[in-house]
Protein backbone atom coordinates (compact mmCIF):
# COMPACT_ATOMS: atom_id res chain seq x y z
CA MET A 1 -13.03 -19.64 -17.99
CA LYS A 2 -15.25 -17.40 -15.42
CA THR A 3 -17.36 -20.30 -14.75
CA ILE A 4 -14.66 -22.78 -13.95
CA GLN A 5 -12.97 -20.01 -11.74
CA CYS A 6 -16.48 -19.68 -10.06
CA LEU A 7 -16.41 -23.28 -9.31
CA ILE A 8 -13.09 -24.03 -8.21
CA PHE A 9 -13.88 -20.61 -5.86
CA ILE A 10 -17.14 -22.24 -4.14
CA THR A 11 -15.18 -26.02 -4.01
CA VAL A 12 -12.73 -23.91 -1.86
CA VAL A 13 -15.05 -22.32 0.44
CA ALA A 14 -16.85 -25.77 1.03
CA VAL A 15 -13.29 -27.43 1.93
CA PHE A 16 -12.66 -24.82 4.95
CA ALA A 17 -16.57 -24.82 5.72
CA GLY A 18 -15.89 -28.74 6.05
CA CYS A 19 -12.59 -27.93 8.31
CA ALA A 20 -14.02 -25.28 10.27
CA THR A 21 -14.31 -26.47 14.00
CA VAL A 22 -17.81 -26.19 15.32
CA THR A 23 -18.66 -26.38 19.27
CA PRO A 24 -20.92 -29.29 20.43
CA ASN A 25 -23.83 -27.68 22.21
CA GLU A 26 -22.85 -29.72 25.51
CA LEU A 27 -19.59 -27.08 25.80
CA ILE A 28 -21.24 -24.56 25.07
CA SER A 29 -24.19 -25.14 27.81
CA ALA A 30 -21.62 -26.35 30.36
CA ARG A 31 -20.10 -22.52 29.47
CA MET A 32 -23.03 -20.93 29.87
CA ALA A 33 -24.25 -22.67 33.03
CA TYR A 34 -20.83 -21.50 34.44
CA GLU A 35 -20.97 -17.92 33.34
CA ARG A 36 -24.52 -18.07 35.15
CA ALA A 37 -22.99 -19.06 38.30
CA SER A 38 -19.60 -17.02 38.34
CA THR A 39 -21.65 -13.77 38.09
CA GLY A 40 -24.05 -14.86 40.87
CA PRO A 41 -23.80 -15.50 44.41
CA ALA A 42 -22.00 -18.54 44.52
CA ALA A 43 -18.58 -16.50 43.90
CA GLN A 44 -18.83 -15.42 47.45
CA LEU A 45 -20.89 -18.07 49.38
CA VAL A 46 -19.63 -21.15 47.97
CA PRO A 47 -16.41 -19.98 46.10
CA ALA A 48 -14.74 -23.83 46.93
CA ASP A 49 -17.73 -25.26 44.87
CA LEU A 50 -17.55 -22.85 42.03
CA HIS A 51 -13.85 -23.62 41.46
CA LYS A 52 -14.52 -27.18 41.36
CA ALA A 53 -17.05 -26.15 38.34
CA HIS A 54 -14.26 -23.95 36.71
CA GLU A 55 -11.86 -26.83 36.85
CA ALA A 56 -13.92 -29.06 35.52
CA LEU A 57 -14.54 -26.63 32.33
CA ASP A 58 -10.86 -26.24 32.13
CA LEU A 59 -11.15 -29.79 31.44
CA ALA A 60 -13.67 -30.03 29.09
CA GLU A 61 -11.93 -26.91 26.96
CA GLN A 62 -8.89 -29.02 26.93
CA SER A 63 -10.49 -31.43 25.24
CA PHE A 64 -12.02 -29.22 23.03
CA ALA A 65 -8.68 -28.58 21.78
CA LYS A 66 -7.60 -31.48 21.10
CA ASP A 67 -10.09 -33.07 19.71
CA SER A 68 -13.60 -31.33 19.14
CA ASP A 69 -15.65 -34.23 18.08
CA SER A 70 -14.46 -36.69 20.49
CA TYR A 71 -17.17 -38.06 23.22
CA LYS A 72 -14.50 -37.20 25.82
CA THR A 73 -15.40 -33.32 25.23
CA LYS A 74 -18.76 -34.30 25.55
CA ASP A 75 -18.78 -35.98 29.01
CA LEU A 76 -16.46 -33.91 30.49
CA SER A 77 -18.62 -30.55 29.47
CA TYR A 78 -21.83 -32.21 30.88
CA VAL A 79 -20.14 -32.76 34.22
CA ALA A 80 -18.86 -29.27 33.80
CA GLN A 81 -22.24 -28.05 33.54
CA ARG A 82 -23.49 -29.98 36.16
CA LYS A 83 -20.68 -28.83 38.75
CA SER A 84 -21.84 -25.46 37.80
CA GLU A 85 -25.59 -26.12 38.26
CA LEU A 86 -24.69 -27.50 41.78
CA ALA A 87 -22.61 -24.44 42.81
CA GLU A 88 -25.45 -22.04 42.19
CA ALA A 89 -28.07 -24.52 43.56
CA LEU A 90 -25.52 -24.62 46.74
CA ALA A 91 -25.29 -20.51 46.70
CA THR A 92 -29.21 -20.41 46.71
CA MET A 93 -29.55 -22.52 49.76
CA ALA A 94 -27.00 -20.55 51.42
CA THR A 95 -28.69 -17.15 50.59
CA ASP A 96 -32.12 -18.71 51.72
CA LYS A 97 -30.70 -20.21 55.09
CA ALA A 98 -29.13 -16.57 55.29
CA THR A 99 -32.29 -14.80 54.71
CA LYS A 100 -33.92 -17.21 57.74
CA ALA A 101 -31.22 -16.86 60.09
CA LYS A 102 -31.73 -13.26 59.86
CA ALA A 103 -35.67 -13.22 59.73
CA ASP A 104 -35.82 -15.51 63.22
CA ALA A 105 -33.11 -13.18 64.62
CA ASP A 106 -35.22 -10.04 63.58
CA PHE A 107 -38.02 -11.85 65.25
CA GLN A 108 -36.26 -12.81 68.38
CA LYS A 109 -35.04 -9.03 68.43
CA LYS A 110 -38.62 -8.17 68.17
CA GLN A 111 -40.13 -10.50 70.74
CA THR A 112 -37.34 -9.72 73.18
CA GLU A 113 -38.31 -5.90 72.68
CA ILE A 114 -42.20 -6.68 73.03
CA VAL A 115 -41.17 -8.78 76.18
CA LYS A 116 -39.36 -5.88 77.70
CA GLU A 117 -42.14 -2.94 76.79
CA THR A 118 -44.49 -5.37 78.20
CA LYS A 119 -42.66 -5.53 81.36
CA THR A 120 -42.30 -1.99 81.76
CA GLU A 121 -46.01 -1.11 80.90
CA LEU A 122 -46.98 -4.01 83.59
CA SER A 123 -44.75 -2.08 86.42
CA ALA A 124 -46.39 0.94 85.28
CA ALA A 125 -49.63 -0.38 85.43
CA LEU A 126 -49.13 -2.15 88.94
CA ALA A 127 -47.80 0.82 90.29
CA ALA A 128 -50.54 3.28 89.35
CA LEU A 129 -52.43 0.51 91.18
CA ALA A 130 -50.26 0.78 94.38
CA ALA A 131 -49.76 -2.74 94.14
CA LYS A 132 -47.70 -4.54 96.38
CA GLU A 133 -45.41 -7.95 96.78
CA GLU A 134 -46.31 -10.02 99.77
CA ALA A 135 -45.34 -13.61 100.31
CA ARG A 136 -48.71 -14.58 99.01
CA GLY A 137 -47.75 -12.66 95.96
CA THR A 138 -48.66 -9.26 94.28
CA VAL A 139 -51.60 -7.82 96.20
CA ILE A 140 -53.84 -5.15 94.71
CA THR A 141 -55.86 -2.97 96.89
CA LEU A 142 -59.21 -1.59 95.89
CA SER A 143 -60.99 0.77 98.12
CA GLY A 144 -64.60 -0.66 98.37
CA SER A 145 -66.31 3.06 98.12
CA VAL A 146 -64.61 2.83 94.65
CA LEU A 147 -66.41 -0.28 93.65
CA PHE A 148 -69.43 -0.33 95.34
CA GLN A 149 -72.17 1.83 96.70
CA SER A 150 -72.82 1.13 100.78
CA ALA A 151 -74.01 -1.90 101.70
CA GLN A 152 -74.23 -2.83 97.76
CA SER A 153 -72.55 -5.71 95.71
CA THR A 154 -73.24 -3.97 92.42
CA LEU A 155 -70.20 -2.34 90.52
CA LEU A 156 -69.94 0.89 90.14
CA PRO A 157 -69.09 2.45 86.58
CA SER A 158 -65.94 4.31 88.68
CA ALA A 159 -65.26 0.72 89.50
CA GLN A 160 -65.04 -0.42 85.62
CA VAL A 161 -62.27 2.06 84.73
CA LYS A 162 -60.37 0.66 87.68
CA LEU A 163 -61.19 -3.06 86.92
CA ASP A 164 -59.99 -2.43 83.21
CA GLU A 165 -56.45 -1.14 84.68
CA VAL A 166 -56.21 -4.72 86.76
CA GLY A 167 -57.06 -6.55 83.50
CA THR A 168 -54.38 -4.62 81.90
CA ALA A 169 -51.85 -5.52 84.11
CA LEU A 170 -53.14 -9.26 84.92
CA ALA A 171 -53.33 -9.92 80.79
CA GLY A 172 -48.92 -8.79 81.28
CA VAL A 173 -48.47 -11.32 84.09
CA GLY A 174 -48.88 -14.44 81.80
CA PRO A 175 -51.03 -17.82 83.50
CA ARG A 176 -51.10 -16.64 87.06
CA ASN A 177 -53.90 -17.71 89.50
CA VAL A 178 -55.33 -15.02 91.06
CA ILE A 179 -57.51 -14.76 94.11
CA ILE A 180 -59.98 -12.17 94.70
CA GLU A 181 -60.69 -11.43 98.49
CA GLY A 182 -63.73 -9.62 99.78
CA HIS A 183 -63.62 -7.72 102.81
CA THR A 184 -65.88 -5.63 104.77
CA ASP A 185 -65.73 -3.57 107.89
CA SER A 186 -67.11 -4.67 111.57
CA GLN A 187 -70.73 -3.16 111.55
CA GLY A 188 -73.35 -5.76 111.02
CA SER A 189 -73.49 -9.44 111.88
CA GLU A 190 -71.17 -12.20 110.91
CA SER A 191 -72.57 -14.11 108.41
CA TYR A 192 -74.00 -10.52 106.88
CA ASN A 193 -70.42 -9.06 106.18
CA GLN A 194 -69.65 -12.99 104.58
CA GLY A 195 -72.46 -12.76 102.24
CA LEU A 196 -71.62 -9.07 101.22
CA SER A 197 -67.74 -9.41 101.00
CA GLN A 198 -68.60 -12.83 98.93
CA ARG A 199 -70.99 -11.23 96.64
CA ARG A 200 -68.22 -8.55 96.01
CA ALA A 201 -65.62 -11.09 94.90
CA ASP A 202 -67.73 -12.27 92.96
CA ALA A 203 -68.68 -9.30 91.18
CA VAL A 204 -65.28 -8.50 90.46
CA ARG A 205 -64.27 -11.89 89.55
CA ASN A 206 -67.20 -11.95 86.68
CA TYR A 207 -65.69 -8.49 85.52
CA LEU A 208 -62.44 -9.87 84.86
CA VAL A 209 -63.88 -13.52 83.18
CA LEU A 210 -65.95 -11.32 81.29
CA HIS A 211 -63.37 -9.25 79.94
CA GLY A 212 -61.22 -11.98 78.80
CA TYR A 213 -59.11 -13.68 82.16
CA PRO A 214 -59.42 -16.97 82.17
CA ALA A 215 -62.22 -18.40 84.46
CA ASP A 216 -60.16 -21.59 85.97
CA ARG A 217 -57.07 -19.01 87.09
CA ILE A 218 -59.35 -17.15 89.15
CA GLN A 219 -61.35 -17.35 92.14
CA ALA A 220 -63.27 -15.34 94.72
CA ILE A 221 -63.60 -15.80 98.28
CA GLY A 222 -65.75 -13.59 100.46
CA MET A 223 -63.63 -12.85 103.70
CA GLY A 224 -66.09 -11.24 105.73
CA LYS A 225 -65.01 -8.47 108.61
CA GLY A 226 -62.60 -11.11 109.72
CA SER A 227 -59.06 -9.54 108.37
CA PRO A 228 -59.51 -5.83 109.11
CA ILE A 229 -56.17 -3.46 108.07
CA ALA A 230 -57.37 -0.34 110.12
CA ASN A 231 -59.13 0.53 113.45
CA ASN A 232 -62.77 -0.52 112.84
CA ALA A 233 -63.68 2.71 115.80
CA SER A 234 -63.15 5.32 113.38
CA PRO A 235 -64.85 5.90 109.60
CA GLU A 236 -61.20 6.49 108.07
CA GLY A 237 -60.39 3.10 109.61
CA ARG A 238 -63.67 1.08 108.32
CA ALA A 239 -63.15 2.65 104.88
CA ASN A 240 -59.85 1.00 104.60
CA ASN A 241 -61.71 -2.07 105.80
CA ARG A 242 -63.79 -2.30 103.14
CA ARG A 243 -61.82 -3.42 100.31
CA VAL A 244 -61.64 -5.80 97.75
CA GLU A 245 -57.92 -7.43 97.38
CA ILE A 246 -56.51 -9.23 94.15
CA ILE A 247 -53.71 -11.81 94.88
CA ILE A 248 -51.63 -12.69 91.89
CA GLN A 249 -49.90 -15.53 92.95
CA ASN A 250 -46.16 -15.81 92.56
CA ASN A 251 -46.15 -19.57 91.04
CA LEU A 252 -47.34 -20.53 87.41
CA SER A 253 -49.15 -23.40 88.89
CA THR A 254 -51.59 -25.68 86.93
CA SER A 255 -55.52 -24.71 86.58
CA ARG A 256 -57.57 -25.46 89.62
């Protein structure tokens, strides 16, 4: 009797087990894909696409409720899964785009700050060098006594400090053409002063080129004693006339 009852119980359980609803793998995958997309950035970044995925999943669930083992349910589940994955992919793209846009904005802001700082430093450097604006460009005048010994064209150690300051200023103005003019006082012959002024201009040019300024952007011209800025009758006047002028041209012209 007990054996018969046991067999009946097993049969009933088997019948119920056979009638149990089995969720297709396609629908399980679709549910998981939507869960992943809805809990990520898609809800904020691509809500319309996420809504389409939700509607597609609803259709799959409705089909499953009507016929759990139909091919239609599996097909609708596949579509729902793909729409959820698409929403997730679009959200990732939007995130990457926003990250890039922020990086670009940060870069532009940094570049603006650098340019601003450079201009400030350049203004300070030019001010320290007593530069002045003229029609021919920005002119930096250096006393010959600071750069050279009397009647010599070899740069003094103190000249290197001053020319380093000039180099810093030139580095901030961009690719400008620069002219180095050497000037002397009126003592001595015309040919002697012409040669001395040229050698002094060359010495300044060579120093700046050696320290990084493009050689094709800078030229040296000996002006001799023909362009005095003070009266050569006094020692003070002659000292002012013994000078080197560095002209930073205003135009961004091409190389010579």
